[in-house]
Amino acid sequence: MHAFYADHFVLPLPSGHRFPMAKYARLRERLATELPEVDLHEALPATDGELALVHTPAYIDAIAHGTLAPALQREIGFPWSPAMAERARRSVGATLQAARRVMAQGGGLAANLAGGTHHAYADKGGGFCVFNDFAVAARLMQAEHLRRHGPRAPLPVAIVDLDVHQGNGTARIFANDASVFTLSLHGAKNFPFRKEPSDLDVELPDGVRDDEYLHALDLALDELERRFEPGLVLYLAGADPHEGDRLGRLKLSFDGLEARDRRVMGWAARRGLPLVFAMGGGYGHDLEATVQVQVNTYRVALEHERRWQAQALRSATTPAGMRWHNARP
């Protein structure tokens, strides 16, 4: 299973900053040691043209040259630096490479060790999000699919956002786009305090535990399936619903979050859908607890990837070729 990283671009944050920059390198270290089947690749930066599928040229230029208005820079939550601008591009690039991988192979899973930057709008960032990697990936995969298959075969994309914070930027970007379905399960009283309407929002009260959360997720996936038929799933597997998270306000256990991942990945696998996942938020009092949630997500993903590869290999030996996936024009 292929995964893409950009943790060697470290932001020069002031002492005491609450963003856990160290978790990305730590996640990569643990994956390399514990899950060597995850094939790790350095992410390439997203180009101006790729970013412009979603973001305004003025905003892209301001991030590149450090000319963003101070109030808008504060809204992102990071001071500007060349490393910040480069890391933001590569965080998008990681998701683009993962999406190209699963679309090229016709299924399976691939990942971004960071990403899930769902608070970024077309013309501004917010909440530690500079550019919106899922939005850019959805637009780029739709454009590349259109070039290959023509206008009669549009690519519908489902974004399943299970970060504890609502994906307000993503919801706003796709507010009037029937080709992208945005689903968000999030804390009702958590950031952002002004939320944007997704296609399906499930707001959860503080203190929700495993059973209640998983029941809500089951209902949400059923509703997504009733209303939309995706050809690609982008899954934001945030670690911040964990009970040990400083900013989460929910009470999911390690087992509950693993069950969450199994539900989403299994839902996609049963429908033969390619899936890209990113790690989103995670602000544990204990950094290792946050990383453990994310390592567990990769363990679940590897199980599904092994099954997909085995089925693809069996199907490749039949006269019909690789026909395991949902037939799409």
C-alpha atoms as a PDB file:
ATOM      1  CA  MET A   1       0.000   0.000   0.000  1.00  0.00           C
ATOM      2  CA  HIS A   2       1.396   3.365  -1.022  1.00  0.00           C
ATOM      3  CA  ALA A   3       1.548   6.357   1.320  1.00  0.00           C
ATOM      4  CA  PHE A   4       3.042   9.806   0.828  1.00  0.00           C
ATOM      5  CA  TYR A   5       4.708  12.138   3.329  1.00  0.00           C
ATOM      6  CA  ALA A   6       6.215  15.609   3.661  1.00  0.00           C
ATOM      7  CA  ASP A   7       7.252  15.647   7.318  1.00  0.00           C
ATOM      8  CA  HIS A   8      10.813  16.731   6.530  1.00  0.00           C
ATOM      9  CA  PHE A   9       9.413  20.236   5.904  1.00  0.00           C
ATOM     10  CA  VAL A  10       9.130  21.355   9.528  1.00  0.00           C
ATOM     11  CA  LEU A  11       7.513  24.673  10.336  1.00  0.00           C
ATOM     12  CA  PRO A  12       9.510  26.992  12.616  1.00  0.00           C
ATOM     13  CA  LEU A  13       6.746  27.337  15.196  1.00  0.00           C
ATOM     14  CA  PRO A  14       7.176  29.382  18.375  1.00  0.00           C
ATOM     15  CA  SER A  15       7.767  27.585  21.662  1.00  0.00           C
ATOM     16  CA  GLY A  16       4.526  26.345  23.204  1.00  0.00           C
ATOM     17  CA  HIS A  17       2.573  26.310  19.927  1.00  0.00           C
ATOM     18  CA  ARG A  18      -0.263  23.797  20.242  1.00  0.00           C
ATOM     19  CA  PHE A  19       0.122  22.272  16.773  1.00  0.00           C
ATOM     20  CA  PRO A  20       1.796  18.839  17.178  1.00  0.00           C
ATOM     21  CA  MET A  21       4.281  19.070  14.307  1.00  0.00           C
ATOM     22  CA  ALA A  22       6.326  16.140  15.633  1.00  0.00           C
ATOM     23  CA  LYS A  23       3.514  13.623  15.083  1.00  0.00           C
ATOM     24  CA  TYR A  24       4.104  13.379  11.320  1.00  0.00           C
ATOM     25  CA  ALA A  25       7.712  12.231  11.516  1.00  0.00           C
ATOM     26  CA  ARG A  26       6.816   9.949  14.412  1.00  0.00           C
ATOM     27  CA  LEU A  27       4.035   8.335  12.378  1.00  0.00           C
ATOM     28  CA  ARG A  28       6.395   7.699   9.493  1.00  0.00           C
ATOM     29  CA  GLU A  29       8.989   6.190  11.847  1.00  0.00           C
ATOM     30  CA  ARG A  30       6.464   3.791  13.320  1.00  0.00           C
ATOM     31  CA  LEU A  31       5.044   2.776   9.950  1.00  0.00           C
ATOM     32  CA  ALA A  32       8.518   2.060   8.616  1.00  0.00           C
ATOM     33  CA  THR A  33       9.290  -0.082  11.661  1.00  0.00           C
ATOM     34  CA  GLU A  34       5.978  -1.804  12.363  1.00  0.00           C
ATOM     35  CA  LEU A  35       4.202  -1.920   8.989  1.00  0.00           C
ATOM     36  CA  PRO A  36       6.857  -2.323   6.295  1.00  0.00           C
ATOM     37  CA  GLU A  37       4.158  -3.217   3.743  1.00  0.00           C
ATOM     38  CA  VAL A  38       3.323   0.492   3.668  1.00  0.00           C
ATOM     39  CA  ASP A  39       5.439   1.772   0.769  1.00  0.00           C
ATOM     40  CA  LEU A  40       6.481   5.292   1.822  1.00  0.00           C
ATOM     41  CA  HIS A  41       7.187   7.993  -0.773  1.00  0.00           C
ATOM     42  CA  GLU A  42       8.216  11.624  -0.445  1.00  0.00           C
ATOM     43  CA  ALA A  43       5.363  13.797  -1.696  1.00  0.00           C
ATOM     44  CA  LEU A  44       5.793  16.066  -4.680  1.00  0.00           C
ATOM     45  CA  PRO A  45       4.497  19.628  -4.407  1.00  0.00           C
ATOM     46  CA  ALA A  46       1.157  20.497  -5.977  1.00  0.00           C
ATOM     47  CA  THR A  47       1.566  22.893  -8.902  1.00  0.00           C
ATOM     48  CA  ASP A  48      -0.074  26.304  -9.251  1.00  0.00           C
ATOM     49  CA  GLY A  49      -2.356  24.836 -11.902  1.00  0.00           C
ATOM     50  CA  GLU A  50      -3.465  21.996  -9.636  1.00  0.00           C
ATOM     51  CA  LEU A  51      -4.113  24.331  -6.707  1.00  0.00           C
ATOM     52  CA  ALA A  52      -6.036  26.689  -9.009  1.00  0.00           C
ATOM     53  CA  LEU A  53      -8.638  23.992  -9.629  1.00  0.00           C
ATOM     54  CA  VAL A  54      -9.951  25.096  -6.215  1.00  0.00           C
ATOM     55  CA  HIS A  55      -8.033  28.101  -4.897  1.00  0.00           C
ATOM     56  CA  THR A  56      -7.975  31.641  -6.217  1.00  0.00           C
ATOM     57  CA  PRO A  57      -4.794  32.787  -7.986  1.00  0.00           C
ATOM     58  CA  ALA A  58      -4.433  35.706  -5.564  1.00  0.00           C
ATOM     59  CA  TYR A  59      -4.483  33.388  -2.554  1.00  0.00           C
ATOM     60  CA  ILE A  60      -2.018  30.940  -4.123  1.00  0.00           C
ATOM     61  CA  ASP A  61       0.349  33.821  -4.874  1.00  0.00           C
ATOM     62  CA  ALA A  62       0.029  35.296  -1.374  1.00  0.00           C
ATOM     63  CA  ILE A  63       0.973  31.960   0.217  1.00  0.00           C
ATOM     64  CA  ALA A  64       3.891  31.526  -2.184  1.00  0.00           C
ATOM     65  CA  HIS A  65       5.363  34.963  -1.447  1.00  0.00           C
ATOM     66  CA  GLY A  66       4.306  35.584   2.152  1.00  0.00           C
ATOM     67  CA  THR A  67       2.058  38.539   1.327  1.00  0.00           C
ATOM     68  CA  LEU A  68      -1.143  37.301   2.958  1.00  0.00           C
ATOM     69  CA  ALA A  69      -2.833  39.914   5.153  1.00  0.00           C
ATOM     70  CA  PRO A  70      -1.846  39.483   8.818  1.00  0.00           C
ATOM     71  CA  ALA A  71      -5.424  38.770   9.924  1.00  0.00           C
ATOM     72  CA  LEU A  72      -5.740  35.987   7.340  1.00  0.00           C
ATOM     73  CA  GLN A  73      -2.365  34.572   8.350  1.00  0.00           C
ATOM     74  CA  ARG A  74      -3.488  34.472  11.982  1.00  0.00           C
ATOM     75  CA  GLU A  75      -6.655  32.654  10.910  1.00  0.00           C
ATOM     76  CA  ILE A  76      -4.499  29.856   9.498  1.00  0.00           C
ATOM     77  CA  GLY A  77      -2.680  29.617  12.826  1.00  0.00           C
ATOM     78  CA  PHE A  78       0.880  29.394  11.462  1.00  0.00           C
ATOM     79  CA  PRO A  79       3.379  32.194  10.897  1.00  0.00           C
ATOM     80  CA  TRP A  80       4.423  32.398   7.251  1.00  0.00           C
ATOM     81  CA  SER A  81       7.764  30.957   6.219  1.00  0.00           C
ATOM     82  CA  PRO A  82       9.126  29.371   3.028  1.00  0.00           C
ATOM     83  CA  ALA A  83       8.846  25.992   4.784  1.00  0.00           C
ATOM     84  CA  MET A  84       5.167  26.642   5.548  1.00  0.00           C
ATOM     85  CA  ALA A  85       4.436  27.418   1.901  1.00  0.00           C
ATOM     86  CA  GLU A  86       6.351  24.373   0.667  1.00  0.00           C
ATOM     87  CA  ARG A  87       4.825  22.028   3.223  1.00  0.00           C
ATOM     88  CA  ALA A  88       1.317  23.214   2.273  1.00  0.00           C
ATOM     89  CA  ARG A  89       1.962  22.401  -1.383  1.00  0.00           C
ATOM     90  CA  ARG A  90       3.405  18.989  -0.578  1.00  0.00           C
ATOM     91  CA  SER A  91       0.549  18.145   1.774  1.00  0.00           C
ATOM     92  CA  VAL A  92      -1.786  18.618  -1.175  1.00  0.00           C
ATOM     93  CA  GLY A  93       0.631  16.807  -3.479  1.00  0.00           C
ATOM     94  CA  ALA A  94       0.622  13.769  -1.196  1.00  0.00           C
ATOM     95  CA  THR A  95      -3.133  13.392  -1.523  1.00  0.00           C
ATOM     96  CA  LEU A  96      -2.953  13.937  -5.286  1.00  0.00           C
ATOM     97  CA  GLN A  97      -0.357  11.188  -5.657  1.00  0.00           C
ATOM     98  CA  ALA A  98      -2.397   8.820  -3.484  1.00  0.00           C
ATOM     99  CA  ALA A  99      -5.526   9.534  -5.532  1.00  0.00           C
ATOM    100  CA  ARG A 100      -3.716   8.997  -8.820  1.00  0.00           C
ATOM    101  CA  ARG A 101      -2.398   5.702  -7.500  1.00  0.00           C
ATOM    102  CA  VAL A 102      -5.782   4.216  -6.615  1.00  0.00           C
ATOM    103  CA  MET A 103      -7.428   5.528  -9.783  1.00  0.00           C
ATOM    104  CA  ALA A 104      -4.647   4.111 -11.970  1.00  0.00           C
ATOM    105  CA  GLN A 105      -4.841   0.668 -10.372  1.00  0.00           C
ATOM    106  CA  GLY A 106      -8.631   0.681 -10.392  1.00  0.00           C
ATOM    107  CA  GLY A 107      -9.192   0.293  -6.672  1.00  0.00           C
ATOM    108  CA  GLY A 108      -7.567  -0.377  -3.350  1.00  0.00           C
ATOM    109  CA  LEU A 109      -6.266   2.189  -0.889  1.00  0.00           C
ATOM    110  CA  ALA A 110      -3.521   4.805  -0.676  1.00  0.00           C
ATOM    111  CA  ALA A 111      -2.786   7.466   1.890  1.00  0.00           C
ATOM    112  CA  ASN A 112      -1.347  10.803   2.915  1.00  0.00           C
ATOM    113  CA  LEU A 113       0.480  10.739   6.261  1.00  0.00           C
ATOM    114  CA  ALA A 114      -0.767  14.296   6.833  1.00  0.00           C
ATOM    115  CA  GLY A 115      -3.494  16.102   4.863  1.00  0.00           C
ATOM    116  CA  GLY A 116      -7.184  16.354   5.526  1.00  0.00           C
ATOM    117  CA  THR A 117      -6.904  20.160   5.494  1.00  0.00           C
ATOM    118  CA  HIS A 118     -10.638  20.707   5.446  1.00  0.00           C
ATOM    119  CA  HIS A 119     -10.817  24.191   6.974  1.00  0.00           C
ATOM    120  CA  ALA A 120      -9.254  25.854   3.911  1.00  0.00           C
ATOM    121  CA  TYR A 121     -11.615  27.776   1.630  1.00  0.00           C
ATOM    122  CA  ALA A 122     -10.983  28.752  -1.974  1.00  0.00           C
ATOM    123  CA  ASP A 123      -9.606  32.158  -0.963  1.00  0.00           C
ATOM    124  CA  LYS A 124      -8.353  31.681   2.592  1.00  0.00           C
ATOM    125  CA  GLY A 125      -7.105  29.150   5.094  1.00  0.00           C
ATOM    126  CA  GLY A 126      -8.015  28.450   8.692  1.00  0.00           C
ATOM    127  CA  GLY A 127      -7.551  26.098  11.609  1.00  0.00           C
ATOM    128  CA  PHE A 128      -4.003  24.995  10.636  1.00  0.00           C
ATOM    129  CA  CYS A 129      -5.149  24.381   7.034  1.00  0.00           C
ATOM    130  CA  VAL A 130      -3.548  26.316   4.167  1.00  0.00           C
ATOM    131  CA  PHE A 131      -4.804  24.607   0.999  1.00  0.00           C
ATOM    132  CA  ASN A 132      -7.654  22.088   0.860  1.00  0.00           C
ATOM    133  CA  ASP A 133      -6.064  18.834  -0.285  1.00  0.00           C
ATOM    134  CA  PHE A 134      -9.292  16.821  -0.562  1.00  0.00           C
ATOM    135  CA  ALA A 135     -10.984  19.522  -2.631  1.00  0.00           C
ATOM    136  CA  VAL A 136      -8.030  19.767  -5.013  1.00  0.00           C
ATOM    137  CA  ALA A 137      -7.829  15.974  -5.286  1.00  0.00           C
ATOM    138  CA  ALA A 138     -11.534  15.686  -6.059  1.00  0.00           C
ATOM    139  CA  ARG A 139     -11.310  18.327  -8.795  1.00  0.00           C
ATOM    140  CA  LEU A 140      -8.128  16.913 -10.313  1.00  0.00           C
ATOM    141  CA  MET A 141      -9.380  13.325 -10.362  1.00  0.00           C
ATOM    142  CA  GLN A 142     -12.595  14.504 -12.006  1.00  0.00           C
ATOM    143  CA  ALA A 143     -10.628  16.423 -14.639  1.00  0.00           C
ATOM    144  CA  GLU A 144      -8.309  13.502 -15.385  1.00  0.00           C
ATOM    145  CA  HIS A 145     -11.238  11.087 -15.503  1.00  0.00           C
ATOM    146  CA  LEU A 146     -12.991  13.425 -17.950  1.00  0.00           C
ATOM    147  CA  ARG A 147      -9.943  13.450 -20.244  1.00  0.00           C
ATOM    148  CA  ARG A 148      -9.789   9.655 -20.239  1.00  0.00           C
ATOM    149  CA  HIS A 149     -13.486   8.819 -20.467  1.00  0.00           C
ATOM    150  CA  GLY A 150     -15.246  11.888 -21.846  1.00  0.00           C
ATOM    151  CA  PRO A 151     -18.194  13.939 -20.558  1.00  0.00           C
ATOM    152  CA  ARG A 152     -20.580  10.995 -20.484  1.00  0.00           C
ATOM    153  CA  ALA A 153     -18.653   9.392 -17.612  1.00  0.00           C
ATOM    154  CA  PRO A 154     -18.227  12.018 -14.867  1.00  0.00           C
ATOM    155  CA  LEU A 155     -16.482  10.911 -11.677  1.00  0.00           C
ATOM    156  CA  PRO A 156     -18.650  11.344  -8.571  1.00  0.00           C
ATOM    157  CA  VAL A 157     -16.568  11.778  -5.409  1.00  0.00           C
ATOM    158  CA  ALA A 158     -17.675  11.156  -1.807  1.00  0.00           C
ATOM    159  CA  ILE A 159     -15.783  12.945   0.975  1.00  0.00           C
ATOM    160  CA  VAL A 160     -16.260  11.165   4.304  1.00  0.00           C
ATOM    161  CA  ASP A 161     -14.961  13.569   6.947  1.00  0.00           C
ATOM    162  CA  LEU A 162     -14.601  11.974  10.380  1.00  0.00           C
ATOM    163  CA  ASP A 163     -12.355  14.573  11.951  1.00  0.00           C
ATOM    164  CA  VAL A 164     -13.912  15.855  15.171  1.00  0.00           C
ATOM    165  CA  HIS A 165     -14.131  19.337  13.623  1.00  0.00           C
ATOM    166  CA  GLN A 166     -16.553  20.106  10.814  1.00  0.00           C
ATOM    167  CA  GLY A 167     -15.061  20.389   7.338  1.00  0.00           C
ATOM    168  CA  ASN A 168     -16.331  23.913   6.763  1.00  0.00           C
ATOM    169  CA  GLY A 169     -13.975  24.810   3.912  1.00  0.00           C
ATOM    170  CA  THR A 170     -14.746  21.616   2.021  1.00  0.00           C
ATOM    171  CA  ALA A 171     -18.489  22.088   2.504  1.00  0.00           C
ATOM    172  CA  ARG A 172     -18.326  25.640   1.189  1.00  0.00           C
ATOM    173  CA  ILE A 173     -16.216  24.745  -1.854  1.00  0.00           C
ATOM    174  CA  PHE A 174     -18.674  22.043  -2.961  1.00  0.00           C
ATOM    175  CA  ALA A 175     -21.865  23.726  -1.772  1.00  0.00           C
ATOM    176  CA  ASN A 176     -23.415  23.849  -5.248  1.00  0.00           C
ATOM    177  CA  ASP A 177     -21.721  20.846  -6.822  1.00  0.00           C
ATOM    178  CA  ALA A 178     -23.824  17.727  -7.225  1.00  0.00           C
ATOM    179  CA  SER A 179     -20.781  15.703  -8.349  1.00  0.00           C
ATOM    180  CA  VAL A 180     -19.174  15.781  -4.875  1.00  0.00           C
ATOM    181  CA  PHE A 181     -20.985  14.549  -1.759  1.00  0.00           C
ATOM    182  CA  THR A 182     -19.687  15.950   1.526  1.00  0.00           C
ATOM    183  CA  LEU A 183     -20.404  14.004   4.726  1.00  0.00           C
ATOM    184  CA  SER A 184     -19.175  15.275   8.096  1.00  0.00           C
ATOM    185  CA  LEU A 185     -19.539  13.701  11.559  1.00  0.00           C
ATOM    186  CA  HIS A 186     -18.308  16.223  14.103  1.00  0.00           C
ATOM    187  CA  GLY A 187     -18.695  17.769  17.526  1.00  0.00           C
ATOM    188  CA  ALA A 188     -21.636  20.146  17.560  1.00  0.00           C
ATOM    189  CA  LYS A 189     -19.993  22.602  19.973  1.00  0.00           C
ATOM    190  CA  ASN A 190     -16.469  22.345  18.613  1.00  0.00           C
ATOM    191  CA  PHE A 191     -14.500  24.463  16.133  1.00  0.00           C
ATOM    192  CA  PRO A 192     -15.422  25.928  13.685  1.00  0.00           C
ATOM    193  CA  PHE A 193     -18.073  27.847  15.545  1.00  0.00           C
ATOM    194  CA  ARG A 194     -19.602  29.060  12.266  1.00  0.00           C
ATOM    195  CA  LYS A 195     -20.197  25.904  10.297  1.00  0.00           C
ATOM    196  CA  GLU A 196     -20.983  25.569   6.592  1.00  0.00           C
ATOM    197  CA  PRO A 197     -23.718  23.172   5.462  1.00  0.00           C
ATOM    198  CA  SER A 198     -22.382  19.895   4.067  1.00  0.00           C
ATOM    199  CA  ASP A 199     -24.551  17.567   2.009  1.00  0.00           C
ATOM    200  CA  LEU A 200     -24.905  15.582   5.221  1.00  0.00           C
ATOM    201  CA  ASP A 201     -23.879  16.911   8.633  1.00  0.00           C
ATOM    202  CA  VAL A 202     -24.130  14.786  11.770  1.00  0.00           C
ATOM    203  CA  GLU A 203     -23.573  16.905  14.870  1.00  0.00           C
ATOM    204  CA  LEU A 204     -22.597  15.051  18.029  1.00  0.00           C
ATOM    205  CA  PRO A 205     -22.841  16.277  21.618  1.00  0.00           C
ATOM    206  CA  ASP A 206     -19.803  16.461  23.881  1.00  0.00           C
ATOM    207  CA  GLY A 207     -18.816  13.192  25.524  1.00  0.00           C
ATOM    208  CA  VAL A 208     -20.113  10.777  22.853  1.00  0.00           C
ATOM    209  CA  ARG A 209     -18.617   7.304  23.260  1.00  0.00           C
ATOM    210  CA  ASP A 210     -18.016   4.384  20.917  1.00  0.00           C
ATOM    211  CA  ASP A 211     -21.464   2.829  20.563  1.00  0.00           C
ATOM    212  CA  GLU A 212     -23.333   6.066  19.983  1.00  0.00           C
ATOM    213  CA  TYR A 213     -20.713   7.294  17.526  1.00  0.00           C
ATOM    214  CA  LEU A 214     -20.667   4.066  15.519  1.00  0.00           C
ATOM    215  CA  HIS A 215     -24.461   3.971  15.355  1.00  0.00           C
ATOM    216  CA  ALA A 216     -24.470   7.531  13.987  1.00  0.00           C
ATOM    217  CA  LEU A 217     -21.805   6.585  11.451  1.00  0.00           C
ATOM    218  CA  ASP A 218     -23.789   3.553  10.275  1.00  0.00           C
ATOM    219  CA  LEU A 219     -26.838   5.720   9.692  1.00  0.00           C
ATOM    220  CA  ALA A 220     -24.763   8.335   7.881  1.00  0.00           C
ATOM    221  CA  LEU A 221     -23.192   5.784   5.523  1.00  0.00           C
ATOM    222  CA  ASP A 222     -26.637   4.357   4.799  1.00  0.00           C
ATOM    223  CA  GLU A 223     -27.878   7.847   3.951  1.00  0.00           C
ATOM    224  CA  LEU A 224     -24.850   8.548   1.770  1.00  0.00           C
ATOM    225  CA  GLU A 225     -25.507   5.352  -0.157  1.00  0.00           C
ATOM    226  CA  ARG A 226     -29.191   6.216  -0.540  1.00  0.00           C
ATOM    227  CA  ARG A 227     -28.444   9.635  -2.005  1.00  0.00           C
ATOM    228  CA  PHE A 228     -25.187   9.219  -3.942  1.00  0.00           C
ATOM    229  CA  GLU A 229     -23.197   6.682  -5.954  1.00  0.00           C
ATOM    230  CA  PRO A 230     -19.479   7.552  -5.747  1.00  0.00           C
ATOM    231  CA  GLY A 231     -16.646   6.417  -7.964  1.00  0.00           C
ATOM    232  CA  LEU A 232     -13.962   7.553  -5.488  1.00  0.00           C
ATOM    233  CA  VAL A 233     -13.965   7.945  -1.697  1.00  0.00           C
ATOM    234  CA  LEU A 234     -11.784  10.449   0.149  1.00  0.00           C
ATOM    235  CA  TYR A 235     -11.713   9.578   3.851  1.00  0.00           C
ATOM    236  CA  LEU A 236     -10.515  11.973   6.544  1.00  0.00           C
ATOM    237  CA  ALA A 237      -9.572   9.674   9.435  1.00  0.00           C
ATOM    238  CA  GLY A 238      -8.998  12.244  12.174  1.00  0.00           C
ATOM    239  CA  ALA A 239      -7.456  11.053  15.443  1.00  0.00           C
ATOM    240  CA  ASP A 240      -9.078  13.857  17.418  1.00  0.00           C
ATOM    241  CA  PRO A 241     -12.329  12.066  18.379  1.00  0.00           C
ATOM    242  CA  HIS A 242     -10.101  10.050  20.746  1.00  0.00           C
ATOM    243  CA  GLU A 243     -10.851  10.384  24.452  1.00  0.00           C
ATOM    244  CA  GLY A 244      -7.324  11.634  25.137  1.00  0.00           C
ATOM    245  CA  ASP A 245      -7.446  14.537  22.668  1.00  0.00           C
ATOM    246  CA  ARG A 246      -7.011  18.066  24.032  1.00  0.00           C
ATOM    247  CA  LEU A 247      -9.339  19.626  21.447  1.00  0.00           C
ATOM    248  CA  GLY A 248     -11.736  16.776  20.675  1.00  0.00           C
ATOM    249  CA  ARG A 249     -14.456  16.764  23.390  1.00  0.00           C
ATOM    250  CA  LEU A 250     -15.603  13.274  22.337  1.00  0.00           C
ATOM    251  CA  LYS A 251     -14.744  10.048  24.180  1.00  0.00           C
ATOM    252  CA  LEU A 252     -13.897   7.405  21.600  1.00  0.00           C
ATOM    253  CA  SER A 253     -11.502   4.649  22.616  1.00  0.00           C
ATOM    254  CA  PHE A 254      -8.741   3.122  20.494  1.00  0.00           C
ATOM    255  CA  ASP A 255     -11.107   0.245  19.751  1.00  0.00           C
ATOM    256  CA  GLY A 256     -13.914   2.593  18.800  1.00  0.00           C
ATOM    257  CA  LEU A 257     -11.754   4.477  16.343  1.00  0.00           C
ATOM    258  CA  GLU A 258     -10.486   1.241  14.840  1.00  0.00           C
ATOM    259  CA  ALA A 259     -14.109   0.121  14.412  1.00  0.00           C
ATOM    260  CA  ARG A 260     -14.828   3.470  12.728  1.00  0.00           C
ATOM    261  CA  ASP A 261     -12.030   2.855  10.212  1.00  0.00           C
ATOM    262  CA  ARG A 262     -13.253  -0.683   9.552  1.00  0.00           C
ATOM    263  CA  ARG A 263     -16.746   0.590   8.831  1.00  0.00           C
ATOM    264  CA  VAL A 264     -15.640   3.220   6.317  1.00  0.00           C
ATOM    265  CA  MET A 265     -13.020   1.098   4.579  1.00  0.00           C
ATOM    266  CA  GLY A 266     -15.261  -1.950   4.554  1.00  0.00           C
ATOM    267  CA  TRP A 267     -18.135   0.111   3.151  1.00  0.00           C
ATOM    268  CA  ALA A 268     -15.916   1.249   0.270  1.00  0.00           C
ATOM    269  CA  ALA A 269     -14.412  -2.211  -0.290  1.00  0.00           C
ATOM    270  CA  ARG A 270     -17.793  -3.927  -0.553  1.00  0.00           C
ATOM    271  CA  ARG A 271     -18.684  -1.485  -3.332  1.00  0.00           C
ATOM    272  CA  GLY A 272     -15.362  -1.869  -5.134  1.00  0.00           C
ATOM    273  CA  LEU A 273     -14.525   1.800  -4.602  1.00  0.00           C
ATOM    274  CA  PRO A 274     -10.974   3.183  -4.569  1.00  0.00           C
ATOM    275  CA  LEU A 275     -10.284   4.982  -1.300  1.00  0.00           C
ATOM    276  CA  VAL A 276      -7.737   7.619  -0.297  1.00  0.00           C
ATOM    277  CA  PHE A 277      -7.326   8.496   3.362  1.00  0.00           C
ATOM    278  CA  ALA A 278      -5.567  11.288   5.225  1.00  0.00           C
ATOM    279  CA  MET A 279      -4.902  11.742   8.918  1.00  0.00           C
ATOM    280  CA  GLY A 280      -6.453  15.125   9.713  1.00  0.00           C
ATOM    281  CA  GLY A 281      -6.422  16.392  13.276  1.00  0.00           C
ATOM    282  CA  GLY A 282      -4.968  14.861  16.409  1.00  0.00           C
ATOM    283  CA  TYR A 283      -3.945  16.870  19.463  1.00  0.00           C
ATOM    284  CA  GLY A 284      -3.542  14.335  22.227  1.00  0.00           C
ATOM    285  CA  HIS A 285      -2.209  15.202  25.653  1.00  0.00           C
ATOM    286  CA  ASP A 286       0.090  12.287  24.882  1.00  0.00           C
ATOM    287  CA  LEU A 287       1.576  12.531  21.374  1.00  0.00           C
ATOM    288  CA  GLU A 288       2.090   8.763  21.262  1.00  0.00           C
ATOM    289  CA  ALA A 289      -1.645   8.206  21.795  1.00  0.00           C
ATOM    290  CA  THR A 290      -2.424  10.319  18.741  1.00  0.00           C
ATOM    291  CA  VAL A 291       0.154   8.456  16.679  1.00  0.00           C
ATOM    292  CA  GLN A 292      -1.225   5.131  17.906  1.00  0.00           C
ATOM    293  CA  VAL A 293      -4.687   6.017  16.602  1.00  0.00           C
ATOM    294  CA  GLN A 294      -3.125   6.742  13.225  1.00  0.00           C
ATOM    295  CA  VAL A 295      -1.002   3.582  13.172  1.00  0.00           C
ATOM    296  CA  ASN A 296      -4.158   1.603  13.901  1.00  0.00           C
ATOM    297  CA  THR A 297      -5.829   3.229  10.881  1.00  0.00           C
ATOM    298  CA  TYR A 298      -2.965   2.015   8.701  1.00  0.00           C
ATOM    299  CA  ARG A 299      -3.250  -1.515  10.107  1.00  0.00           C
ATOM    300  CA  VAL A 300      -6.907  -1.631   9.105  1.00  0.00           C
ATOM    301  CA  ALA A 301      -6.119  -0.163   5.691  1.00  0.00           C
ATOM    302  CA  LEU A 302      -3.436  -2.783   5.055  1.00  0.00           C
ATOM    303  CA  GLU A 303      -5.913  -5.578   5.780  1.00  0.00           C
ATOM    304  CA  HIS A 304      -8.264  -4.183   3.162  1.00  0.00           C
ATOM    305  CA  GLU A 305      -5.461  -3.564   0.682  1.00  0.00           C
ATOM    306  CA  ARG A 306      -4.270  -7.168   0.998  1.00  0.00           C
ATOM    307  CA  ARG A 307      -7.796  -8.417   0.301  1.00  0.00           C
ATOM    308  CA  TRP A 308      -8.135  -6.096  -2.683  1.00  0.00           C
ATOM    309  CA  GLN A 309      -4.805  -7.202  -4.145  1.00  0.00           C
ATOM    310  CA  ALA A 310      -5.643 -10.880  -3.669  1.00  0.00           C
ATOM    311  CA  GLN A 311      -9.014 -10.446  -5.351  1.00  0.00           C
ATOM    312  CA  ALA A 312      -7.487  -8.389  -8.169  1.00  0.00           C
ATOM    313  CA  LEU A 313      -4.895 -11.131  -8.740  1.00  0.00           C
ATOM    314  CA  ARG A 314      -7.570 -13.815  -8.875  1.00  0.00           C
ATOM    315  CA  SER A 315      -9.705 -11.735 -11.220  1.00  0.00           C
ATOM    316  CA  ALA A 316      -6.742 -11.060 -13.511  1.00  0.00           C
ATOM    317  CA  THR A 317      -6.474 -14.786 -14.235  1.00  0.00           C
ATOM    318  CA  THR A 318     -10.068 -15.036 -15.478  1.00  0.00           C
ATOM    319  CA  PRO A 319     -10.946 -14.514 -19.162  1.00  0.00           C
ATOM    320  CA  ALA A 320     -12.883 -11.386 -18.295  1.00  0.00           C
ATOM    321  CA  GLY A 321      -9.813  -9.816 -16.700  1.00  0.00           C
ATOM    322  CA  MET A 322     -10.038  -7.611 -13.615  1.00  0.00           C
ATOM    323  CA  ARG A 323     -13.796  -7.350 -13.215  1.00  0.00           C
ATOM    324  CA  TRP A 324     -14.044  -7.277  -9.421  1.00  0.00           C
ATOM    325  CA  HIS A 325     -14.696  -3.559  -9.258  1.00  0.00           C
ATOM    326  CA  ASN A 326     -17.962  -1.854  -9.930  1.00  0.00           C
ATOM    327  CA  ALA A 327     -18.318  -1.467 -13.685  1.00  0.00           C
ATOM    328  CA  ARG A 328     -18.072   2.158 -14.724  1.00  0.00           C
ATOM    329  CA  PRO A 329     -17.855   3.541 -18.258  1.00  0.00           C
END
